[in-house]
Amino acid sequence: DRLGVTQSTVSARVKALEQALETTLFRRSRAGTDLTTEGLRFETH
């Protein structure tokens, strides 16, 4: 909503970034989305 794109676009972008970095950045669940340790490390960069 904030970026004006579809949820599937957000998912595809995250997947592309995770593939480029060869790691998982988020843990997804019904309760929400949390950063993995790798995601926390990448945030500053």
All heavy atoms as atom14 arrays in JSON, in Angstrom:
{
  "sequence": "DRLGVTQSTVSARVKALEQALETTLFRRSRAGTDLTTEGLRFETH",
  "atom14_mask": [
    [1, 1, 1, 1, 1, 1, 1, 1, 0, 0, 0, 0, 0, 0],
    [1, 1, 1, 1, 1, 1, 1, 1, 1, 1, 1, 0, 0, 0],
    [1, 1, 1, 1, 1, 1, 1, 1, 0, 0, 0, 0, 0, 0],
    [1, 1, 1, 1, 0, 0, 0, 0, 0, 0, 0, 0, 0, 0],
    [1, 1, 1, 1, 1, 1, 1, 0, 0, 0, 0, 0, 0, 0],
    [1, 1, 1, 1, 1, 1, 1, 0, 0, 0, 0, 0, 0, 0],
    [1, 1, 1, 1, 1, 1, 1, 1, 1, 0, 0, 0, 0, 0],
    [1, 1, 1, 1, 1, 1, 0, 0, 0, 0, 0, 0, 0, 0],
    [1, 1, 1, 1, 1, 1, 1, 0, 0, 0, 0, 0, 0, 0],
    [1, 1, 1, 1, 1, 1, 1, 0, 0, 0, 0, 0, 0, 0],
    [1, 1, 1, 1, 1, 1, 0, 0, 0, 0, 0, 0, 0, 0],
    [1, 1, 1, 1, 1, 0, 0, 0, 0, 0, 0, 0, 0, 0],
    [1, 1, 1, 1, 1, 1, 1, 1, 1, 1, 1, 0, 0, 0],
    [1, 1, 1, 1, 1, 1, 1, 0, 0, 0, 0, 0, 0, 0],
    [1, 1, 1, 1, 1, 1, 1, 1, 1, 0, 0, 0, 0, 0],
    [1, 1, 1, 1, 1, 0, 0, 0, 0, 0, 0, 0, 0, 0],
    [1, 1, 1, 1, 1, 1, 1, 1, 0, 0, 0, 0, 0, 0],
    [1, 1, 1, 1, 1, 1, 1, 1, 1, 0, 0, 0, 0, 0],
    [1, 1, 1, 1, 1, 1, 1, 1, 1, 0, 0, 0, 0, 0],
    [1, 1, 1, 1, 1, 0, 0, 0, 0, 0, 0, 0, 0, 0],
    [1, 1, 1, 1, 1, 1, 1, 1, 0, 0, 0, 0, 0, 0],
    [1, 1, 1, 1, 1, 1, 1, 1, 1, 0, 0, 0, 0, 0],
    [1, 1, 1, 1, 1, 1, 1, 0, 0, 0, 0, 0, 0, 0],
    [1, 1, 1, 1, 1, 1, 1, 0, 0, 0, 0, 0, 0, 0],
    [1, 1, 1, 1, 1, 1, 1, 1, 0, 0, 0, 0, 0, 0],
    [1, 1, 1, 1, 1, 1, 1, 1, 1, 1, 1, 0, 0, 0],
    [1, 1, 1, 1, 1, 1, 1, 1, 1, 1, 1, 0, 0, 0],
    [1, 1, 1, 1, 1, 1, 1, 1, 1, 1, 1, 0, 0, 0],
    [1, 1, 1, 1, 1, 1, 0, 0, 0, 0, 0, 0, 0, 0],
    [1, 1, 1, 1, 1, 1, 1, 1, 1, 1, 1, 0, 0, 0],
    [1, 1, 1, 1, 1, 0, 0, 0, 0, 0, 0, 0, 0, 0],
    [1, 1, 1, 1, 0, 0, 0, 0, 0, 0, 0, 0, 0, 0],
    [1, 1, 1, 1, 1, 1, 1, 0, 0, 0, 0, 0, 0, 0],
    [1, 1, 1, 1, 1, 1, 1, 1, 0, 0, 0, 0, 0, 0],
    [1, 1, 1, 1, 1, 1, 1, 1, 0, 0, 0, 0, 0, 0],
    [1, 1, 1, 1, 1, 1, 1, 0, 0, 0, 0, 0, 0, 0],
    [1, 1, 1, 1, 1, 1, 1, 0, 0, 0, 0, 0, 0, 0],
    [1, 1, 1, 1, 1, 1, 1, 1, 1, 0, 0, 0, 0, 0],
    [1, 1, 1, 1, 0, 0, 0, 0, 0, 0, 0, 0, 0, 0],
    [1, 1, 1, 1, 1, 1, 1, 1, 0, 0, 0, 0, 0, 0],
    [1, 1, 1, 1, 1, 1, 1, 1, 1, 1, 1, 0, 0, 0],
    [1, 1, 1, 1, 1, 1, 1, 1, 1, 1, 1, 0, 0, 0],
    [1, 1, 1, 1, 1, 1, 1, 1, 1, 0, 0, 0, 0, 0],
    [1, 1, 1, 1, 1, 1, 1, 0, 0, 0, 0, 0, 0, 0],
    [1, 1, 1, 1, 1, 1, 1, 1, 1, 1, 0, 0, 0, 0]
  ],
  "atom14_positions": [
    [[0.83, -1.21, 0.0], [0.0, 0.0, 0.0], [0.86, 1.26, 0.0], [0.59, 2.19, -0.75], [-0.92, 0.03, 1.22], [-2.06, -0.98, 1.12], [-2.34, -1.47, 0.01], [-2.65, -1.28, 2.18], [0.0, 0.0, 0.0], [0.0, 0.0, 0.0], [0.0, 0.0, 0.0], [0.0, 0.0, 0.0], [0.0, 0.0, 0.0], [0.0, 0.0, 0.0]],
    [[1.87, 1.28, 0.84], [2.72, 2.47, 0.96], [3.5, 2.74, -0.32], [3.76, 3.89, -0.67], [3.67, 2.33, 2.15], [2.94, 2.48, 3.46], [3.75, 2.12, 4.67], [5.09, 2.64, 4.73], [5.71, 2.96, 5.85], [5.1, 2.82, 7.02], [6.95, 3.4, 5.84], [0.0, 0.0, 0.0], [0.0, 0.0, 0.0], [0.0, 0.0, 0.0]],
    [[3.92, 1.67, -1.02], [4.71, 1.84, -2.24], [3.84, 1.92, -3.5], [4.36, 2.17, -4.59], [5.73, 0.71, -2.38], [6.78, 0.61, -1.27], [7.7, -0.58, -1.52], [7.57, 1.89, -1.16], [0.0, 0.0, 0.0], [0.0, 0.0, 0.0], [0.0, 0.0, 0.0], [0.0, 0.0, 0.0], [0.0, 0.0, 0.0], [0.0, 0.0, 0.0]],
    [[2.56, 1.67, -3.35], [1.66, 1.73, -4.5], [1.84, 0.59, -5.47], [1.7, 0.77, -6.69], [0.0, 0.0, 0.0], [0.0, 0.0, 0.0], [0.0, 0.0, 0.0], [0.0, 0.0, 0.0], [0.0, 0.0, 0.0], [0.0, 0.0, 0.0], [0.0, 0.0, 0.0], [0.0, 0.0, 0.0], [0.0, 0.0, 0.0], [0.0, 0.0, 0.0]],
    [[2.16, -0.59, -4.93], [2.33, -1.78, -5.76], [1.49, -2.9, -5.15], [0.88, -2.73, -4.1], [3.82, -2.21, -5.84], [4.66, -1.13, -6.51], [4.38, -2.56, -4.47], [0.0, 0.0, 0.0], [0.0, 0.0, 0.0], [0.0, 0.0, 0.0], [0.0, 0.0, 0.0], [0.0, 0.0, 0.0], [0.0, 0.0, 0.0], [0.0, 0.0, 0.0]],
    [[1.46, -4.04, -5.8], [0.72, -5.18, -5.27], [1.56, -5.95, -4.25], [2.79, -5.83, -4.24], [0.3, -6.15, -6.39], [1.49, -6.7, -6.97], [-0.53, -5.44, -7.45], [0.0, 0.0, 0.0], [0.0, 0.0, 0.0], [0.0, 0.0, 0.0], [0.0, 0.0, 0.0], [0.0, 0.0, 0.0], [0.0, 0.0, 0.0], [0.0, 0.0, 0.0]],
    [[0.88, -6.74, -3.44], [1.58, -7.58, -2.47], [2.49, -8.57, -3.18], [3.59, -8.87, -2.72], [0.56, -8.29, -1.57], [1.18, -9.12, -0.46], [1.49, -10.54, -0.89], [0.83, -11.1, -1.75], [2.5, -11.12, -0.29], [0.0, 0.0, 0.0], [0.0, 0.0, 0.0], [0.0, 0.0, 0.0], [0.0, 0.0, 0.0], [0.0, 0.0, 0.0]],
    [[2.06, -9.06, -4.32], [2.89, -10.02, -5.07], [4.16, -9.34, -5.6], [5.21, -9.98, -5.7], [2.11, -10.68, -6.2], [1.64, -9.72, -7.12], [0.0, 0.0, 0.0], [0.0, 0.0, 0.0], [0.0, 0.0, 0.0], [0.0, 0.0, 0.0], [0.0, 0.0, 0.0], [0.0, 0.0, 0.0], [0.0, 0.0, 0.0], [0.0, 0.0, 0.0]],
    [[4.08, -8.04, -5.91], [5.27, -7.3, -6.34], [6.25, -7.19, -5.18], [7.46, -7.38, -5.35], [4.9, -5.91, -6.87], [4.06, -6.07, -8.02], [6.12, -5.1, -7.23], [0.0, 0.0, 0.0], [0.0, 0.0, 0.0], [0.0, 0.0, 0.0], [0.0, 0.0, 0.0], [0.0, 0.0, 0.0], [0.0, 0.0, 0.0], [0.0, 0.0, 0.0]],
    [[5.74, -6.9, -3.98], [6.61, -6.83, -2.8], [7.28, -8.18, -2.58], [8.49, -8.26, -2.38], [5.81, -6.4, -1.55], [6.66, -6.51, -0.29], [5.29, -4.98, -1.71], [0.0, 0.0, 0.0], [0.0, 0.0, 0.0], [0.0, 0.0, 0.0], [0.0, 0.0, 0.0], [0.0, 0.0, 0.0], [0.0, 0.0, 0.0], [0.0, 0.0, 0.0]],
    [[6.5, -9.25, -2.66], [7.05, -10.6, -2.48], [8.12, -10.91, -3.51], [9.17, -11.46, -3.18], [5.94, -11.65, -2.57], [5.05, -11.52, -1.5], [0.0, 0.0, 0.0], [0.0, 0.0, 0.0], [0.0, 0.0, 0.0], [0.0, 0.0, 0.0], [0.0, 0.0, 0.0], [0.0, 0.0, 0.0], [0.0, 0.0, 0.0], [0.0, 0.0, 0.0]],
    [[7.86, -10.54, -4.76], [8.82, -10.8, -5.83], [10.11, -10.01, -5.62], [11.21, -10.52, -5.86], [8.21, -10.47, -7.19], [0.0, 0.0, 0.0], [0.0, 0.0, 0.0], [0.0, 0.0, 0.0], [0.0, 0.0, 0.0], [0.0, 0.0, 0.0], [0.0, 0.0, 0.0], [0.0, 0.0, 0.0], [0.0, 0.0, 0.0], [0.0, 0.0, 0.0]],
    [[9.99, -8.77, -5.16], [11.18, -7.95, -4.91], [12.01, -8.53, -3.77], [13.24, -8.58, -3.85], [10.78, -6.52, -4.61], [10.29, -5.76, -5.82], [9.86, -4.36, -5.45], [9.36, -3.61, -6.58], [8.87, -2.39, -6.5], [8.83, -1.76, -5.33], [8.42, -1.77, -7.58], [0.0, 0.0, 0.0], [0.0, 0.0, 0.0], [0.0, 0.0, 0.0]],
    [[11.33, -8.95, -2.71], [12.05, -9.55, -1.58], [12.74, -10.83, -2.02], [13.9, -11.08, -1.7], [11.11, -9.79, -0.39], [11.78, -10.64, 0.7], [10.64, -8.47, 0.19], [0.0, 0.0, 0.0], [0.0, 0.0, 0.0], [0.0, 0.0, 0.0], [0.0, 0.0, 0.0], [0.0, 0.0, 0.0], [0.0, 0.0, 0.0], [0.0, 0.0, 0.0]],
    [[12.03, -11.64, -2.78], [12.61, -12.89, -3.27], [13.84, -12.61, -4.15], [14.87, -13.28, -4.02], [11.57, -13.68, -4.07], [12.06, -15.0, -4.56], [10.98, -15.77, -5.28], [11.5, -17.1, -5.78], [10.46, -17.87, -6.49], [0.0, 0.0, 0.0], [0.0, 0.0, 0.0], [0.0, 0.0, 0.0], [0.0, 0.0, 0.0], [0.0, 0.0, 0.0]],
    [[13.74, -11.61, -5.02], [14.87, -11.27, -5.88], [16.07, -10.8, -5.06], [17.21, -11.18, -5.34], [14.47, -10.18, -6.88], [0.0, 0.0, 0.0], [0.0, 0.0, 0.0], [0.0, 0.0, 0.0], [0.0, 0.0, 0.0], [0.0, 0.0, 0.0], [0.0, 0.0, 0.0], [0.0, 0.0, 0.0], [0.0, 0.0, 0.0], [0.0, 0.0, 0.0]],
    [[15.81, -10.0, -4.04], [16.9, -9.53, -3.18], [17.51, -10.69, -2.4], [18.74, -10.8, -2.3], [16.38, -8.45, -2.23], [17.41, -7.78, -1.33], [18.52, -7.12, -2.15], [16.73, -6.75, -0.44], [0.0, 0.0, 0.0], [0.0, 0.0, 0.0], [0.0, 0.0, 0.0], [0.0, 0.0, 0.0], [0.0, 0.0, 0.0], [0.0, 0.0, 0.0]],
    [[16.67, -11.56, -1.87], [17.17, -12.73, -1.15], [18.0, -13.63, -2.06], [19.04, -14.15, -1.65], [16.02, -13.51, -0.52], [15.39, -12.78, 0.65], [14.2, -13.48, 1.26], [13.46, -14.21, 0.52], [13.97, -13.31, 2.45], [0.0, 0.0, 0.0], [0.0, 0.0, 0.0], [0.0, 0.0, 0.0], [0.0, 0.0, 0.0], [0.0, 0.0, 0.0]],
    [[17.58, -13.79, -3.3], [18.35, -14.6, -4.24], [19.68, -13.94, -4.56], [20.71, -14.62, -4.64], [17.55, -14.85, -5.52], [16.41, -15.82, -5.32], [15.56, -16.01, -6.56], [15.53, -15.16, -7.45], [14.83, -17.11, -6.61], [0.0, 0.0, 0.0], [0.0, 0.0, 0.0], [0.0, 0.0, 0.0], [0.0, 0.0, 0.0], [0.0, 0.0, 0.0]],
    [[19.67, -12.63, -4.74], [20.92, -11.92, -5.04], [21.91, -12.02, -3.87], [23.12, -12.13, -4.09], [20.63, -10.46, -5.35], [0.0, 0.0, 0.0], [0.0, 0.0, 0.0], [0.0, 0.0, 0.0], [0.0, 0.0, 0.0], [0.0, 0.0, 0.0], [0.0, 0.0, 0.0], [0.0, 0.0, 0.0], [0.0, 0.0, 0.0], [0.0, 0.0, 0.0]],
    [[21.38, -12.0, -2.65], [22.24, -12.07, -1.47], [22.48, -13.5, -1.0], [23.28, -13.73, -0.09], [21.6, -11.27, -0.32], [21.49, -9.78, -0.54], [20.65, -9.14, 0.56], [22.87, -9.14, -0.61], [0.0, 0.0, 0.0], [0.0, 0.0, 0.0], [0.0, 0.0, 0.0], [0.0, 0.0, 0.0], [0.0, 0.0, 0.0], [0.0, 0.0, 0.0]],
    [[21.76, -14.42, -1.62], [21.86, -15.84, -1.29], [21.6, -16.11, 0.2], [22.33, -16.85, 0.87], [23.23, -16.41, -1.7], [23.48, -16.32, -3.19], [24.82, -16.86, -3.62], [25.62, -17.26, -2.75], [25.07, -16.87, -4.83], [0.0, 0.0, 0.0], [0.0, 0.0, 0.0], [0.0, 0.0, 0.0], [0.0, 0.0, 0.0], [0.0, 0.0, 0.0]],
    [[20.54, -15.49, 0.71], [20.14, -15.69, 2.1], [18.68, -15.32, 2.29], [18.08, -14.7, 1.42], [21.03, -14.85, 3.06], [20.81, -15.3, 4.38], [20.74, -13.37, 2.96], [0.0, 0.0, 0.0], [0.0, 0.0, 0.0], [0.0, 0.0, 0.0], [0.0, 0.0, 0.0], [0.0, 0.0, 0.0], [0.0, 0.0, 0.0], [0.0, 0.0, 0.0]],
    [[18.12, -15.71, 3.39], [16.76, -15.35, 3.75], [16.8, -14.13, 4.66], [17.54, -14.12, 5.65], [16.07, -16.53, 4.48], [16.08, -17.67, 3.62], [14.65, -16.19, 4.86], [0.0, 0.0, 0.0], [0.0, 0.0, 0.0], [0.0, 0.0, 0.0], [0.0, 0.0, 0.0], [0.0, 0.0, 0.0], [0.0, 0.0, 0.0], [0.0, 0.0, 0.0]],
    [[16.06, -13.1, 4.3], [16.08, -11.85, 5.06], [14.93, -11.73, 6.05], [15.04, -11.02, 7.05], [16.04, -10.66, 4.09], [17.22, -10.57, 3.13], [16.95, -9.51, 2.07], [18.5, -10.29, 3.89], [0.0, 0.0, 0.0], [0.0, 0.0, 0.0], [0.0, 0.0, 0.0], [0.0, 0.0, 0.0], [0.0, 0.0, 0.0], [0.0, 0.0, 0.0]],
    [[13.81, -12.4, 5.77], [12.62, -12.29, 6.61], [12.06, -13.66, 6.94], [12.12, -14.59, 6.14], [11.51, -11.5, 5.89], [11.85, -10.07, 5.62], [12.32, -9.66, 4.4], [11.68, -9.12, 6.63], [12.63, -8.32, 4.15], [11.98, -7.79, 6.39], [12.46, -7.4, 5.15], [0.0, 0.0, 0.0], [0.0, 0.0, 0.0], [0.0, 0.0, 0.0]],
    [[11.49, -13.77, 8.15], [10.68, -14.92, 8.54], [9.23, -14.46, 8.4], [8.83, -13.46, 9.01], [10.94, -15.32, 9.99], [12.18, -16.17, 10.18], [12.31, -16.63, 11.62], [12.5, -15.53, 12.56], [13.66, -14.91, 12.77], [14.72, -15.27, 12.1], [13.75, -13.91, 13.64], [0.0, 0.0, 0.0], [0.0, 0.0, 0.0], [0.0, 0.0, 0.0]],
    [[8.47, -15.18, 7.63], [7.09, -14.82, 7.37], [6.16, -15.73, 8.17], [6.37, -16.94, 8.18], [6.78, -14.94, 5.89], [7.64, -14.04, 5.0], [7.98, -14.8, 3.71], [8.73, -14.0, 2.76], [10.04, -14.05, 2.62], [10.78, -14.82, 3.4], [10.65, -13.31, 1.72], [0.0, 0.0, 0.0], [0.0, 0.0, 0.0], [0.0, 0.0, 0.0]],
    [[5.15, -15.15, 8.77], [4.15, -15.94, 9.48], [2.83, -15.18, 9.47], [2.77, -14.02, 9.05], [4.58, -16.19, 10.93], [4.51, -15.0, 11.69], [0.0, 0.0, 0.0], [0.0, 0.0, 0.0], [0.0, 0.0, 0.0], [0.0, 0.0, 0.0], [0.0, 0.0, 0.0], [0.0, 0.0, 0.0], [0.0, 0.0, 0.0], [0.0, 0.0, 0.0]],
    [[1.79, -15.81, 9.96], [0.49, -15.14, 10.02], [0.52, -13.95, 10.97], [-0.23, -13.01, 10.83], [-0.59, -16.11, 10.45], [-0.89, -17.12, 9.38], [-1.98, -18.06, 9.83], [-2.12, -19.11, 8.84], [-3.28, -19.54, 8.41], [-4.38, -19.05, 8.9], [-3.32, -20.49, 7.51], [0.0, 0.0, 0.0], [0.0, 0.0, 0.0], [0.0, 0.0, 0.0]],
    [[1.41, -14.01, 11.95], [1.53, -12.94, 12.93], [2.26, -11.72, 12.38], [2.22, -10.64, 12.96], [2.25, -13.45, 14.17], [0.0, 0.0, 0.0], [0.0, 0.0, 0.0], [0.0, 0.0, 0.0], [0.0, 0.0, 0.0], [0.0, 0.0, 0.0], [0.0, 0.0, 0.0], [0.0, 0.0, 0.0], [0.0, 0.0, 0.0], [0.0, 0.0, 0.0]],
    [[2.94, -11.89, 11.26], [3.67, -10.78, 10.67], [4.98, -11.23, 10.06], [5.17, -12.41, 9.78], [0.0, 0.0, 0.0], [0.0, 0.0, 0.0], [0.0, 0.0, 0.0], [0.0, 0.0, 0.0], [0.0, 0.0, 0.0], [0.0, 0.0, 0.0], [0.0, 0.0, 0.0], [0.0, 0.0, 0.0], [0.0, 0.0, 0.0], [0.0, 0.0, 0.0]],
    [[5.86, -10.28, 9.9], [7.14, -10.53, 9.26], [8.24, -10.04, 10.18], [8.19, -8.92, 10.68], [7.2, -9.78, 7.92], [6.1, -10.2, 7.11], [8.48, -10.04, 7.18], [0.0, 0.0, 0.0], [0.0, 0.0, 0.0], [0.0, 0.0, 0.0], [0.0, 0.0, 0.0], [0.0, 0.0, 0.0], [0.0, 0.0, 0.0], [0.0, 0.0, 0.0]],
    [[9.23, -10.88, 10.41], [10.37, -10.52, 11.25], [11.65, -10.69, 10.47], [11.76, -11.56, 9.6], [10.43, -11.41, 12.49], [9.3, -11.15, 13.45], [9.03, -9.97, 13.73], [8.68, -12.13, 13.92], [0.0, 0.0, 0.0], [0.0, 0.0, 0.0], [0.0, 0.0, 0.0], [0.0, 0.0, 0.0], [0.0, 0.0, 0.0], [0.0, 0.0, 0.0]],
    [[12.63, -9.86, 10.8], [13.94, -9.99, 10.18], [14.68, -11.21, 10.73], [14.6, -11.49, 11.93], [14.79, -8.74, 10.47], [14.46, -7.5, 9.67], [15.15, -6.29, 10.28], [14.89, -7.68, 8.23], [0.0, 0.0, 0.0], [0.0, 0.0, 0.0], [0.0, 0.0, 0.0], [0.0, 0.0, 0.0], [0.0, 0.0, 0.0], [0.0, 0.0, 0.0]],
    [[15.38, -11.89, 9.85], [16.3, -12.93, 10.29], [17.58, -12.24, 10.77], [17.74, -11.01, 10.63], [16.65, -13.87, 9.13], [17.31, -13.1, 8.11], [15.42, -14.55, 8.56], [0.0, 0.0, 0.0], [0.0, 0.0, 0.0], [0.0, 0.0, 0.0], [0.0, 0.0, 0.0], [0.0, 0.0, 0.0], [0.0, 0.0, 0.0], [0.0, 0.0, 0.0]],
    [[18.49, -13.01, 11.31], [19.79, -12.46, 11.71], [20.48, -11.82, 10.51], [21.04, -10.72, 10.62], [20.68, -13.57, 12.31], [20.0, -14.14, 13.42], [22.02, -13.03, 12.73], [0.0, 0.0, 0.0], [0.0, 0.0, 0.0], [0.0, 0.0, 0.0], [0.0, 0.0, 0.0], [0.0, 0.0, 0.0], [0.0, 0.0, 0.0], [0.0, 0.0, 0.0]],
    [[20.39, -12.47, 9.37], [21.0, -11.93, 8.15], [20.31, -10.65, 7.72], [20.95, -9.71, 7.26], [20.95, -12.97, 7.02], [21.79, -14.19, 7.27], [21.14, -15.23, 8.19], [19.96, -15.05, 8.59], [21.81, -16.21, 8.52], [0.0, 0.0, 0.0], [0.0, 0.0, 0.0], [0.0, 0.0, 0.0], [0.0, 0.0, 0.0], [0.0, 0.0, 0.0]],
    [[18.99, -10.6, 7.88], [18.24, -9.38, 7.56], [18.65, -8.23, 8.44], [18.8, -7.09, 7.97], [0.0, 0.0, 0.0], [0.0, 0.0, 0.0], [0.0, 0.0, 0.0], [0.0, 0.0, 0.0], [0.0, 0.0, 0.0], [0.0, 0.0, 0.0], [0.0, 0.0, 0.0], [0.0, 0.0, 0.0], [0.0, 0.0, 0.0], [0.0, 0.0, 0.0]],
    [[18.85, -8.5, 9.72], [19.32, -7.47, 10.64], [20.7, -6.95, 10.23], [20.97, -5.75, 10.27], [19.38, -8.02, 12.07], [18.04, -8.2, 12.76], [18.21, -9.02, 14.03], [17.43, -6.85, 13.08], [0.0, 0.0, 0.0], [0.0, 0.0, 0.0], [0.0, 0.0, 0.0], [0.0, 0.0, 0.0], [0.0, 0.0, 0.0], [0.0, 0.0, 0.0]],
    [[21.57, -7.86, 9.82], [22.91, -7.46, 9.37], [22.84, -6.61, 8.1], [23.62, -5.68, 7.93], [23.77, -8.69, 9.11], [24.24, -9.38, 10.34], [25.22, -10.49, 9.99], [25.34, -11.42, 11.1], [25.28, -12.73, 11.0], [25.13, -13.3, 9.82], [25.38, -13.49, 12.06], [0.0, 0.0, 0.0], [0.0, 0.0, 0.0], [0.0, 0.0, 0.0]],
    [[21.93, -6.97, 7.22], [21.83, -6.27, 5.94], [21.19, -4.89, 6.07], [21.47, -4.01, 5.26], [21.05, -7.12, 4.93], [20.95, -6.49, 3.57], [22.08, -6.29, 2.79], [19.73, -6.08, 3.08], [21.99, -5.69, 1.55], [19.63, -5.48, 1.83], [20.76, -5.29, 1.06], [0.0, 0.0, 0.0], [0.0, 0.0, 0.0], [0.0, 0.0, 0.0]],
    [[20.37, -4.7, 7.08], [19.63, -3.44, 7.2], [20.54, -2.22, 7.18], [20.27, -1.24, 6.46], [18.79, -3.43, 8.48], [17.98, -2.16, 8.63], [17.17, -2.11, 9.9], [17.21, -3.08, 10.7], [16.49, -1.09, 10.1], [0.0, 0.0, 0.0], [0.0, 0.0, 0.0], [0.0, 0.0, 0.0], [0.0, 0.0, 0.0], [0.0, 0.0, 0.0]],
    [[21.61, -2.23, 7.92], [22.55, -1.09, 7.95], [23.13, -0.83, 6.56], [23.21, 0.31, 6.12], [23.68, -1.35, 8.95], [23.11, -1.57, 10.23], [24.65, -0.19, 9.01], [0.0, 0.0, 0.0], [0.0, 0.0, 0.0], [0.0, 0.0, 0.0], [0.0, 0.0, 0.0], [0.0, 0.0, 0.0], [0.0, 0.0, 0.0], [0.0, 0.0, 0.0]],
    [[23.51, -1.89, 5.88], [24.06, -1.75, 4.54], [23.02, -1.21, 3.57], [23.33, -0.38, 2.7], [24.61, -3.09, 4.04], [25.73, -3.6, 4.88], [27.01, -3.09, 4.82], [25.76, -4.57, 5.82], [27.78, -3.73, 5.67], [27.04, -4.64, 6.29], [0.0, 0.0, 0.0], [0.0, 0.0, 0.0], [0.0, 0.0, 0.0], [0.0, 0.0, 0.0]]
  ]
}
